[in-house]
Amino acid sequence: MALFASLFQLDGHHDSCQATQTVSPEDSDPSLSMIGTTLEFIRIYLDGGLRLLMGGSLDDGTASKVVFPPGNQAPVDSIAFTSGAVTLLLVNVEEERIFRDADPYRRVNDEGRTDSVQPDIRLVLYLLFVARFTDYAQGWNHLSALLSQLQAVPVLDRETAPALPAGVERLAFELVSQSFTELNDVWNALRTTHHPSLLYRVRLLSLRDTSASPSIPITEFSPAFVHIGNRP
């Protein structure tokens, strides 16, 4: 874990120092960009780790080790992966319904008052990491280094990663084992040939309702408004 502690104590010479996103005052709702901001945070964090594990440094001036898919691809094209790098790709999003609050429509604000809100949406992200290298073994070496990094620090929180985006308190990484059928389905959907890859499940990313309104307490109860059966 000590190897990755330096990833959050960086100078301005490498994009790893941009793990947090500057938000202007008018952008008051971080949930509007939470998924994209979180993906960028993960990419930068893993990129810095791969640089260290593969014998480089955070500011060596070389191309990124972890990248997103190129953004200039036509919708009908098969997806392309950057050569000499590990591509991070979001392949699925699910809602986590297990860890629900007892009353998801009520929330106590910072002033101690109870607000009426829409329930938080807790998301699970499925991230596919694809290695494309001329040397086949080199691709698996990079994925092995990524696997080692996430094994050493499988949970990112405010203690292990103080630079987590606003509104994100915890990211837990879990390696997903795929059957041959599931693996085939993924690569058929991507319309490309199979490459060395790892699939990770990342939880929990919460989208929180920021348009909370004060909850109106019931101060008086009148039996006259209670109807039983078909009574008008």
C-alpha atoms as a PDB file:
ATOM      1  CA  MET A   1       0.000   0.000   0.000  1.00  0.00           C
ATOM      2  CA  ALA A   2       2.939   2.336   0.692  1.00  0.00           C
ATOM      3  CA  LEU A   3       3.821   2.172  -3.004  1.00  0.00           C
ATOM      4  CA  PHE A   4       0.586   3.918  -3.939  1.00  0.00           C
ATOM      5  CA  ALA A   5       0.482   6.497  -1.145  1.00  0.00           C
ATOM      6  CA  SER A   6       2.527   8.915  -3.268  1.00  0.00           C
ATOM      7  CA  LEU A   7      -0.193   8.969  -5.933  1.00  0.00           C
ATOM      8  CA  PHE A   8      -2.090  11.535  -3.865  1.00  0.00           C
ATOM      9  CA  GLN A   9       0.891  13.728  -2.960  1.00  0.00           C
ATOM     10  CA  LEU A  10       1.842  14.906  -6.427  1.00  0.00           C
ATOM     11  CA  ASP A  11       3.276  18.029  -7.955  1.00  0.00           C
ATOM     12  CA  GLY A  12       1.892  19.712 -11.058  1.00  0.00           C
ATOM     13  CA  HIS A  13       4.062  17.940 -13.643  1.00  0.00           C
ATOM     14  CA  HIS A  14       1.787  14.985 -14.321  1.00  0.00           C
ATOM     15  CA  ASP A  15      -1.903  14.571 -14.929  1.00  0.00           C
ATOM     16  CA  SER A  16      -2.148  12.351 -11.830  1.00  0.00           C
ATOM     17  CA  CYS A  17      -2.333  15.542  -9.801  1.00  0.00           C
ATOM     18  CA  GLN A  18      -5.684  16.258 -11.455  1.00  0.00           C
ATOM     19  CA  ALA A  19      -7.561  13.502  -9.645  1.00  0.00           C
ATOM     20  CA  THR A  20      -9.967  16.101  -8.306  1.00  0.00           C
ATOM     21  CA  GLN A  21     -11.944  18.234 -10.705  1.00  0.00           C
ATOM     22  CA  THR A  22     -12.223  21.972 -10.288  1.00  0.00           C
ATOM     23  CA  VAL A  23     -15.882  22.904 -10.051  1.00  0.00           C
ATOM     24  CA  SER A  24     -17.111  26.437 -10.561  1.00  0.00           C
ATOM     25  CA  PRO A  25     -19.657  27.898  -8.096  1.00  0.00           C
ATOM     26  CA  GLU A  26     -22.464  27.529 -10.614  1.00  0.00           C
ATOM     27  CA  ASP A  27     -21.808  23.780 -10.888  1.00  0.00           C
ATOM     28  CA  SER A  28     -23.386  23.140  -7.490  1.00  0.00           C
ATOM     29  CA  ASP A  29     -24.541  19.563  -8.129  1.00  0.00           C
ATOM     30  CA  PRO A  30     -21.576  17.157  -8.402  1.00  0.00           C
ATOM     31  CA  SER A  31     -23.918  14.245  -9.193  1.00  0.00           C
ATOM     32  CA  LEU A  32     -24.492  15.668 -12.686  1.00  0.00           C
ATOM     33  CA  SER A  33     -20.980  14.637 -13.703  1.00  0.00           C
ATOM     34  CA  MET A  34     -20.239  11.999 -11.073  1.00  0.00           C
ATOM     35  CA  ILE A  35     -19.860   8.954 -13.325  1.00  0.00           C
ATOM     36  CA  GLY A  36     -17.516  10.625 -15.795  1.00  0.00           C
ATOM     37  CA  THR A  37     -15.518  12.311 -13.035  1.00  0.00           C
ATOM     38  CA  THR A  38     -15.193   9.015 -11.157  1.00  0.00           C
ATOM     39  CA  LEU A  39     -14.011   7.188 -14.279  1.00  0.00           C
ATOM     40  CA  GLU A  40     -11.372   9.858 -14.860  1.00  0.00           C
ATOM     41  CA  PHE A  41     -10.269   9.591 -11.233  1.00  0.00           C
ATOM     42  CA  ILE A  42      -9.926   5.796 -11.550  1.00  0.00           C
ATOM     43  CA  ARG A  43      -8.014   6.134 -14.818  1.00  0.00           C
ATOM     44  CA  ILE A  44      -5.524   8.603 -13.343  1.00  0.00           C
ATOM     45  CA  TYR A  45      -5.085   6.587 -10.152  1.00  0.00           C
ATOM     46  CA  LEU A  46      -4.403   3.322 -11.997  1.00  0.00           C
ATOM     47  CA  ASP A  47      -2.194   5.064 -14.555  1.00  0.00           C
ATOM     48  CA  GLY A  48       0.045   6.357 -11.784  1.00  0.00           C
ATOM     49  CA  GLY A  49       0.207   2.926 -10.193  1.00  0.00           C
ATOM     50  CA  LEU A  50       1.164   1.220 -13.459  1.00  0.00           C
ATOM     51  CA  ARG A  51       3.920   3.767 -14.060  1.00  0.00           C
ATOM     52  CA  LEU A  52       5.468   2.923 -10.696  1.00  0.00           C
ATOM     53  CA  LEU A  53       5.004  -0.838 -10.980  1.00  0.00           C
ATOM     54  CA  MET A  54       6.392  -1.006 -14.514  1.00  0.00           C
ATOM     55  CA  GLY A  55       9.595   0.765 -13.510  1.00  0.00           C
ATOM     56  CA  GLY A  56       8.711   4.318 -14.541  1.00  0.00           C
ATOM     57  CA  SER A  57       7.854   7.452 -12.586  1.00  0.00           C
ATOM     58  CA  LEU A  58       4.820   9.686 -12.244  1.00  0.00           C
ATOM     59  CA  ASP A  59       6.378  12.518 -14.254  1.00  0.00           C
ATOM     60  CA  ASP A  60       8.528  10.638 -16.776  1.00  0.00           C
ATOM     61  CA  GLY A  61       6.806  12.368 -19.710  1.00  0.00           C
ATOM     62  CA  THR A  62       5.800   9.127 -21.407  1.00  0.00           C
ATOM     63  CA  ALA A  63       2.328   8.394 -22.771  1.00  0.00           C
ATOM     64  CA  SER A  64      -0.395   7.311 -20.358  1.00  0.00           C
ATOM     65  CA  LYS A  65      -0.448   3.654 -19.352  1.00  0.00           C
ATOM     66  CA  VAL A  66      -4.240   3.655 -18.791  1.00  0.00           C
ATOM     67  CA  VAL A  67      -6.436   5.421 -21.354  1.00  0.00           C
ATOM     68  CA  PHE A  68     -10.036   5.742 -22.462  1.00  0.00           C
ATOM     69  CA  PRO A  69     -11.177   4.479 -25.894  1.00  0.00           C
ATOM     70  CA  PRO A  70     -10.566   6.981 -28.713  1.00  0.00           C
ATOM     71  CA  GLY A  71     -13.502   9.345 -28.993  1.00  0.00           C
ATOM     72  CA  ASN A  72     -13.530   9.762 -32.791  1.00  0.00           C
ATOM     73  CA  GLN A  73     -15.029   6.370 -33.663  1.00  0.00           C
ATOM     74  CA  ALA A  74     -18.151   6.099 -35.784  1.00  0.00           C
ATOM     75  CA  PRO A  75     -21.147   4.428 -34.066  1.00  0.00           C
ATOM     76  CA  VAL A  76     -21.116   1.498 -36.509  1.00  0.00           C
ATOM     77  CA  ASP A  77     -17.402   0.788 -36.118  1.00  0.00           C
ATOM     78  CA  SER A  78     -15.974  -1.952 -33.975  1.00  0.00           C
ATOM     79  CA  ILE A  79     -14.291  -0.390 -30.976  1.00  0.00           C
ATOM     80  CA  ALA A  80     -10.576   0.369 -31.277  1.00  0.00           C
ATOM     81  CA  PHE A  81      -8.037   0.137 -28.473  1.00  0.00           C
ATOM     82  CA  THR A  82      -4.908   2.232 -28.137  1.00  0.00           C
ATOM     83  CA  SER A  83      -1.746   0.300 -28.873  1.00  0.00           C
ATOM     84  CA  GLY A  84       0.815   0.152 -26.079  1.00  0.00           C
ATOM     85  CA  ALA A  85      -1.665   0.928 -23.298  1.00  0.00           C
ATOM     86  CA  VAL A  86      -4.455  -0.484 -21.143  1.00  0.00           C
ATOM     87  CA  THR A  87      -7.867   0.839 -22.175  1.00  0.00           C
ATOM     88  CA  LEU A  88     -10.491   1.405 -19.477  1.00  0.00           C
ATOM     89  CA  LEU A  89     -14.038   0.832 -20.722  1.00  0.00           C
ATOM     90  CA  LEU A  90     -17.337   1.081 -18.819  1.00  0.00           C
ATOM     91  CA  VAL A  91     -19.396  -1.858 -20.097  1.00  0.00           C
ATOM     92  CA  ASN A  92     -22.339  -1.913 -17.688  1.00  0.00           C
ATOM     93  CA  VAL A  93     -24.036  -0.001 -14.864  1.00  0.00           C
ATOM     94  CA  GLU A  94     -26.278  -1.601 -12.251  1.00  0.00           C
ATOM     95  CA  GLU A  95     -28.219  -0.293  -9.269  1.00  0.00           C
ATOM     96  CA  GLU A  96     -27.255  -1.729  -5.894  1.00  0.00           C
ATOM     97  CA  ARG A  97     -30.478  -2.349  -3.951  1.00  0.00           C
ATOM     98  CA  ILE A  98     -29.096  -4.272  -0.986  1.00  0.00           C
ATOM     99  CA  PHE A  99     -27.762  -1.397   1.115  1.00  0.00           C
ATOM    100  CA  ARG A 100     -30.895   0.729   1.297  1.00  0.00           C
ATOM    101  CA  ASP A 101     -31.593   3.129   4.157  1.00  0.00           C
ATOM    102  CA  ALA A 102     -34.431   2.282   6.512  1.00  0.00           C
ATOM    103  CA  ASP A 103     -36.368   5.312   5.236  1.00  0.00           C
ATOM    104  CA  PRO A 104     -34.851   6.279   1.866  1.00  0.00           C
ATOM    105  CA  TYR A 105     -37.243   9.227   1.461  1.00  0.00           C
ATOM    106  CA  ARG A 106     -35.959  11.049   4.560  1.00  0.00           C
ATOM    107  CA  ARG A 107     -32.538  12.511   5.215  1.00  0.00           C
ATOM    108  CA  VAL A 108     -31.182  14.507   8.147  1.00  0.00           C
ATOM    109  CA  ASN A 109     -29.334  17.594   6.863  1.00  0.00           C
ATOM    110  CA  ASP A 110     -26.304  19.321   8.372  1.00  0.00           C
ATOM    111  CA  GLU A 111     -28.558  21.521  10.500  1.00  0.00           C
ATOM    112  CA  GLY A 112     -30.257  18.544  12.112  1.00  0.00           C
ATOM    113  CA  ARG A 113     -33.554  18.946  10.257  1.00  0.00           C
ATOM    114  CA  THR A 114     -35.235  16.135   8.322  1.00  0.00           C
ATOM    115  CA  ASP A 115     -35.677  16.727   4.580  1.00  0.00           C
ATOM    116  CA  SER A 116     -37.862  14.913   2.073  1.00  0.00           C
ATOM    117  CA  VAL A 117     -35.721  13.494  -0.742  1.00  0.00           C
ATOM    118  CA  GLN A 118     -35.720  10.945  -3.506  1.00  0.00           C
ATOM    119  CA  PRO A 119     -33.826   7.775  -2.506  1.00  0.00           C
ATOM    120  CA  ASP A 120     -30.118   7.675  -3.223  1.00  0.00           C
ATOM    121  CA  ILE A 121     -29.177   5.664  -6.304  1.00  0.00           C
ATOM    122  CA  ARG A 122     -26.250   3.403  -5.467  1.00  0.00           C
ATOM    123  CA  LEU A 123     -24.468   2.326  -8.615  1.00  0.00           C
ATOM    124  CA  VAL A 124     -22.226  -0.595  -9.451  1.00  0.00           C
ATOM    125  CA  LEU A 125     -19.864   0.015 -12.369  1.00  0.00           C
ATOM    126  CA  TYR A 126     -18.450  -2.797 -14.500  1.00  0.00           C
ATOM    127  CA  LEU A 127     -15.067  -1.787 -15.881  1.00  0.00           C
ATOM    128  CA  LEU A 128     -13.271  -3.721 -18.603  1.00  0.00           C
ATOM    129  CA  PHE A 129      -9.500  -3.242 -18.812  1.00  0.00           C
ATOM    130  CA  VAL A 130      -8.127  -4.208 -22.226  1.00  0.00           C
ATOM    131  CA  ALA A 131      -4.405  -4.477 -22.965  1.00  0.00           C
ATOM    132  CA  ARG A 132      -3.270  -4.039 -26.556  1.00  0.00           C
ATOM    133  CA  PHE A 133       0.454  -4.544 -27.081  1.00  0.00           C
ATOM    134  CA  THR A 134       2.559  -5.806 -29.972  1.00  0.00           C
ATOM    135  CA  ASP A 135       4.188  -8.173 -27.500  1.00  0.00           C
ATOM    136  CA  TYR A 136       1.395 -10.444 -26.196  1.00  0.00           C
ATOM    137  CA  ALA A 137       3.225 -11.186 -22.940  1.00  0.00           C
ATOM    138  CA  GLN A 138       3.756  -7.469 -22.332  1.00  0.00           C
ATOM    139  CA  GLY A 139       0.015  -6.935 -22.390  1.00  0.00           C
ATOM    140  CA  TRP A 140      -0.495  -9.525 -19.682  1.00  0.00           C
ATOM    141  CA  ASN A 141       2.380  -8.024 -17.689  1.00  0.00           C
ATOM    142  CA  HIS A 142       0.517  -4.714 -17.577  1.00  0.00           C
ATOM    143  CA  LEU A 143      -2.722  -6.424 -16.556  1.00  0.00           C
ATOM    144  CA  SER A 144      -0.838  -8.365 -13.869  1.00  0.00           C
ATOM    145  CA  ALA A 145       0.531  -5.088 -12.517  1.00  0.00           C
ATOM    146  CA  LEU A 146      -2.977  -3.603 -12.495  1.00  0.00           C
ATOM    147  CA  LEU A 147      -4.255  -6.719 -10.726  1.00  0.00           C
ATOM    148  CA  SER A 148      -1.482  -6.366  -8.136  1.00  0.00           C
ATOM    149  CA  GLN A 149      -2.336  -2.711  -7.565  1.00  0.00           C
ATOM    150  CA  LEU A 150      -6.020  -3.409  -6.930  1.00  0.00           C
ATOM    151  CA  GLN A 151      -5.173  -6.413  -4.765  1.00  0.00           C
ATOM    152  CA  ALA A 152      -2.967  -4.211  -2.571  1.00  0.00           C
ATOM    153  CA  VAL A 153      -5.612  -1.483  -2.242  1.00  0.00           C
ATOM    154  CA  PRO A 154      -9.022  -2.934  -3.169  1.00  0.00           C
ATOM    155  CA  VAL A 155     -10.985  -0.166  -1.445  1.00  0.00           C
ATOM    156  CA  LEU A 156     -10.498   3.547  -2.029  1.00  0.00           C
ATOM    157  CA  ASP A 157     -11.982   5.827   0.619  1.00  0.00           C
ATOM    158  CA  ARG A 158     -11.186   9.196   2.179  1.00  0.00           C
ATOM    159  CA  GLU A 159      -8.340   7.620   4.143  1.00  0.00           C
ATOM    160  CA  THR A 160      -6.618   5.724   1.309  1.00  0.00           C
ATOM    161  CA  ALA A 161      -7.555   8.215  -1.425  1.00  0.00           C
ATOM    162  CA  PRO A 162      -8.299  11.715  -0.068  1.00  0.00           C
ATOM    163  CA  ALA A 163      -8.662  13.007  -3.647  1.00  0.00           C
ATOM    164  CA  LEU A 164     -11.867  11.045  -4.318  1.00  0.00           C
ATOM    165  CA  PRO A 165     -14.368  13.154  -6.304  1.00  0.00           C
ATOM    166  CA  ALA A 166     -16.973  15.135  -4.399  1.00  0.00           C
ATOM    167  CA  GLY A 167     -19.921  12.975  -3.417  1.00  0.00           C
ATOM    168  CA  VAL A 168     -17.962   9.710  -3.667  1.00  0.00           C
ATOM    169  CA  GLU A 169     -17.087   8.272  -0.270  1.00  0.00           C
ATOM    170  CA  ARG A 170     -15.945   4.781  -1.219  1.00  0.00           C
ATOM    171  CA  LEU A 171     -14.980   2.701  -4.254  1.00  0.00           C
ATOM    172  CA  ALA A 172     -14.541  -1.049  -3.796  1.00  0.00           C
ATOM    173  CA  PHE A 173     -12.927  -3.078  -6.620  1.00  0.00           C
ATOM    174  CA  GLU A 174     -13.815  -6.731  -7.118  1.00  0.00           C
ATOM    175  CA  LEU A 175     -12.447  -8.962  -9.884  1.00  0.00           C
ATOM    176  CA  VAL A 176     -15.229 -10.650 -11.880  1.00  0.00           C
ATOM    177  CA  SER A 177     -14.741 -14.191 -13.141  1.00  0.00           C
ATOM    178  CA  GLN A 178     -16.461 -14.690 -16.507  1.00  0.00           C
ATOM    179  CA  SER A 179     -17.595 -17.903 -18.111  1.00  0.00           C
ATOM    180  CA  PHE A 180     -16.603 -18.544 -21.726  1.00  0.00           C
ATOM    181  CA  THR A 181     -20.154 -17.662 -22.787  1.00  0.00           C
ATOM    182  CA  GLU A 182     -20.108 -14.344 -20.906  1.00  0.00           C
ATOM    183  CA  LEU A 183     -16.673 -13.553 -22.280  1.00  0.00           C
ATOM    184  CA  ASN A 184     -17.872 -14.257 -25.800  1.00  0.00           C
ATOM    185  CA  ASP A 185     -20.922 -12.021 -25.297  1.00  0.00           C
ATOM    186  CA  VAL A 186     -18.759  -9.089 -24.197  1.00  0.00           C
ATOM    187  CA  TRP A 187     -16.453  -9.283 -27.208  1.00  0.00           C
ATOM    188  CA  ASN A 188     -19.348  -9.789 -29.614  1.00  0.00           C
ATOM    189  CA  ALA A 189     -20.945  -6.623 -28.240  1.00  0.00           C
ATOM    190  CA  LEU A 190     -17.669  -4.743 -28.778  1.00  0.00           C
ATOM    191  CA  ARG A 191     -17.499  -6.058 -32.381  1.00  0.00           C
ATOM    192  CA  THR A 192     -13.817  -6.776 -32.220  1.00  0.00           C
ATOM    193  CA  THR A 193     -11.404  -9.648 -31.681  1.00  0.00           C
ATOM    194  CA  HIS A 194     -10.486 -10.833 -28.228  1.00  0.00           C
ATOM    195  CA  HIS A 195      -7.668  -9.037 -26.386  1.00  0.00           C
ATOM    196  CA  PRO A 196      -6.091  -9.721 -22.992  1.00  0.00           C
ATOM    197  CA  SER A 197      -8.492  -8.202 -20.469  1.00  0.00           C
ATOM    198  CA  LEU A 198      -9.771  -8.068 -16.895  1.00  0.00           C
ATOM    199  CA  LEU A 199     -13.307  -7.262 -15.756  1.00  0.00           C
ATOM    200  CA  TYR A 200     -13.855  -5.456 -12.449  1.00  0.00           C
ATOM    201  CA  ARG A 201     -16.993  -4.679 -10.468  1.00  0.00           C
ATOM    202  CA  VAL A 202     -16.733  -1.300  -8.700  1.00  0.00           C
ATOM    203  CA  ARG A 203     -19.134  -0.336  -5.917  1.00  0.00           C
ATOM    204  CA  LEU A 204     -20.617   1.856  -4.494  1.00  0.00           C
ATOM    205  CA  LEU A 205     -21.123   5.091  -6.358  1.00  0.00           C
ATOM    206  CA  SER A 206     -24.063   7.053  -4.904  1.00  0.00           C
ATOM    207  CA  LEU A 207     -26.094   9.580  -6.824  1.00  0.00           C
ATOM    208  CA  ARG A 208     -27.787  11.778  -4.215  1.00  0.00           C
ATOM    209  CA  ASP A 209     -30.869  13.955  -4.641  1.00  0.00           C
ATOM    210  CA  THR A 210     -29.720  17.537  -4.018  1.00  0.00           C
ATOM    211  CA  SER A 211     -33.165  19.133  -4.424  1.00  0.00           C
ATOM    212  CA  ALA A 212     -34.231  18.245  -0.888  1.00  0.00           C
ATOM    213  CA  SER A 213     -37.260  19.985   0.611  1.00  0.00           C
ATOM    214  CA  PRO A 214     -38.081  20.292   4.318  1.00  0.00           C
ATOM    215  CA  SER A 215     -40.183  17.425   5.588  1.00  0.00           C
ATOM    216  CA  ILE A 216     -43.576  18.611   6.899  1.00  0.00           C
ATOM    217  CA  PRO A 217     -44.188  17.018  10.291  1.00  0.00           C
ATOM    218  CA  ILE A 218     -47.696  15.794  11.224  1.00  0.00           C
ATOM    219  CA  THR A 219     -48.711  17.910  14.234  1.00  0.00           C
ATOM    220  CA  GLU A 220     -52.428  17.108  14.316  1.00  0.00           C
ATOM    221  CA  PHE A 221     -54.457  13.989  13.598  1.00  0.00           C
ATOM    222  CA  SER A 222     -58.197  14.055  13.024  1.00  0.00           C
ATOM    223  CA  PRO A 223     -60.203  10.802  12.962  1.00  0.00           C
ATOM    224  CA  ALA A 224     -62.713  12.565  10.709  1.00  0.00           C
ATOM    225  CA  PHE A 225     -60.359  11.991   7.761  1.00  0.00           C
ATOM    226  CA  VAL A 226     -60.058   8.247   8.361  1.00  0.00           C
ATOM    227  CA  HIS A 227     -62.371   6.104   6.222  1.00  0.00           C
ATOM    228  CA  ILE A 228     -62.970   2.409   6.750  1.00  0.00           C
ATOM    229  CA  GLY A 229     -64.157   0.112   3.966  1.00  0.00           C
ATOM    230  CA  ASN A 230     -66.470   1.730   1.405  1.00  0.00           C
ATOM    231  CA  ARG A 231     -67.652   4.519   3.651  1.00  0.00           C
ATOM    232  CA  PRO A 232     -67.636   7.856   1.710  1.00  0.00           C
END
